[in-house]
Amino acid sequence: MLDDAGFVEDLSQVLCGIAFLLWMMVATLSRTDRSEDIVQSVMVVVCLGATLSLAWLAWIGGSMWGSTFLPKPLAVLSLVFAIVSRINIKGRNISYGANPHSIRRMNEESEE
């Protein structure tokens, strides 16, 4: 089973699919600081799992979607996603510049 390229390919596809879905839904799932930390941690684990399974697939000479070239670059990309997924999406406002909402409010206040 450890050398079965079909199993490793399926595992890689499932982990990449889960990582993709979490990546798309991270803003929705991150309503609170705690849920954001949980989602980011899950994404790191899933992306690292995908990296390992893709590297494993490349090691045993398997293919991804019929290509023996794809597992290595996808493993690197998955590793990058694991690192980037720890970025805080809420962040801090460091510019304190005007945004469209504050401009509209200022215009409405000046008209009154």
Protein backbone atom coordinates (compact mmCIF):
# COMPACT_ATOMS: atom_id res chain seq x y z
CA MET A 1 0.00 0.00 0.00
CA LEU A 2 2.88 2.42 0.69
CA ASP A 3 4.17 2.00 -2.86
CA ASP A 4 0.73 2.08 -4.48
CA ALA A 5 0.84 5.15 -6.73
CA GLY A 6 -2.94 5.12 -7.17
CA PHE A 7 -3.52 5.45 -3.42
CA VAL A 8 -0.93 8.22 -3.07
CA GLU A 9 -2.37 10.07 -6.07
CA ASP A 10 -5.88 9.88 -4.59
CA LEU A 11 -4.59 11.02 -1.20
CA SER A 12 -2.80 13.96 -2.82
CA GLN A 13 -5.88 14.99 -4.76
CA VAL A 14 -8.10 14.83 -1.66
CA LEU A 15 -5.68 16.88 0.44
CA CYS A 16 -5.20 19.44 -2.34
CA GLY A 17 -8.98 19.67 -2.76
CA ILE A 18 -9.54 20.23 0.96
CA ALA A 19 -6.79 22.88 1.01
CA PHE A 20 -8.38 24.60 -2.00
CA LEU A 21 -11.83 24.65 -0.38
CA LEU A 22 -10.45 25.96 2.91
CA TRP A 23 -8.48 28.63 1.05
CA MET A 24 -11.67 29.83 -0.67
CA MET A 25 -13.72 29.77 2.52
CA VAL A 26 -11.16 31.19 4.98
CA ALA A 27 -12.75 34.64 5.15
CA THR A 28 -16.18 33.15 5.85
CA LEU A 29 -14.83 30.74 8.44
CA SER A 30 -12.77 33.44 10.21
CA ARG A 31 -15.56 35.35 11.95
CA THR A 32 -13.73 35.43 15.29
CA ASP A 33 -10.06 35.42 16.24
CA ARG A 34 -10.39 31.90 17.66
CA SER A 35 -12.06 30.47 14.55
CA GLU A 36 -9.46 32.20 12.38
CA ASP A 37 -6.66 30.51 14.34
CA ILE A 38 -8.37 27.14 14.04
CA VAL A 39 -8.93 27.49 10.28
CA GLN A 40 -5.36 28.63 9.72
CA SER A 41 -4.00 25.72 11.75
CA VAL A 42 -6.13 23.23 9.83
CA MET A 43 -4.94 24.76 6.55
CA VAL A 44 -1.30 24.41 7.61
CA VAL A 45 -1.79 20.75 8.51
CA VAL A 46 -3.70 19.97 5.30
CA CYS A 47 -1.20 21.82 3.10
CA LEU A 48 1.76 20.13 4.77
CA GLY A 49 0.00 16.78 4.33
CA ALA A 50 -0.52 17.59 0.65
CA THR A 51 3.16 18.56 0.36
CA LEU A 52 4.26 15.28 1.89
CA SER A 53 1.89 13.18 -0.21
CA LEU A 54 2.96 14.96 -3.41
CA ALA A 55 6.63 14.51 -2.55
CA TRP A 56 5.90 10.86 -1.78
CA LEU A 57 4.13 10.53 -5.14
CA ALA A 58 7.14 12.01 -6.94
CA TRP A 59 9.48 9.71 -4.96
CA ILE A 60 7.69 6.52 -6.01
CA GLY A 61 7.47 7.69 -9.63
CA GLY A 62 3.72 8.24 -9.66
CA SER A 63 1.86 10.74 -11.76
CA MET A 64 -0.72 13.42 -11.09
CA TRP A 65 -3.40 13.72 -13.79
CA GLY A 66 -1.21 11.67 -16.12
CA SER A 67 1.90 13.82 -15.69
CA THR A 68 4.99 12.68 -13.82
CA PHE A 69 6.22 16.31 -13.86
CA LEU A 70 3.38 17.83 -11.78
CA PRO A 71 3.92 16.36 -8.28
CA LYS A 72 7.16 18.25 -7.54
CA PRO A 73 5.97 21.79 -8.45
CA LEU A 74 2.63 21.13 -6.76
CA ALA A 75 4.47 20.03 -3.62
CA VAL A 76 6.41 23.29 -3.58
CA LEU A 77 3.24 25.29 -4.21
CA SER A 78 1.48 23.46 -1.41
CA LEU A 79 4.37 24.24 0.93
CA VAL A 80 4.07 27.93 0.01
CA PHE A 81 0.34 27.80 0.76
CA ALA A 82 1.10 26.24 4.15
CA ILE A 83 3.41 29.15 4.99
CA VAL A 84 1.09 31.83 3.61
CA SER A 85 -1.98 30.40 5.35
CA ARG A 86 -0.64 31.66 8.70
CA ILE A 87 -0.98 35.29 7.60
CA ASN A 88 -3.57 37.13 9.68
CA ILE A 89 -6.31 38.13 7.24
CA LYS A 90 -7.90 40.67 9.57
CA GLY A 91 -4.68 42.59 10.00
CA ARG A 92 -4.32 46.12 11.32
CA ASN A 93 -5.13 49.40 9.68
CA ILE A 94 -1.71 51.01 9.28
CA SER A 95 -2.49 53.60 6.61
CA TYR A 96 -5.36 55.41 8.37
CA GLY A 97 -6.14 56.91 4.99
CA ALA A 98 -9.53 57.76 3.62
CA ASN A 99 -11.60 54.91 2.27
CA PRO A 100 -14.80 55.16 0.21
CA HIS A 101 -17.00 54.73 3.29
CA SER A 102 -15.36 57.52 5.26
CA ILE A 103 -15.43 59.82 2.21
CA ARG A 104 -19.16 59.18 1.78
CA ARG A 105 -19.79 59.88 5.49
CA MET A 106 -17.80 63.11 5.31
CA ASN A 107 -19.78 64.19 2.21
CA GLU A 108 -23.08 63.39 3.92
CA GLU A 109 -22.06 65.31 7.05
CA SER A 110 -20.95 68.34 5.05
CA GLU A 111 -24.28 68.42 3.15
CA GLU A 112 -26.28 68.56 6.39
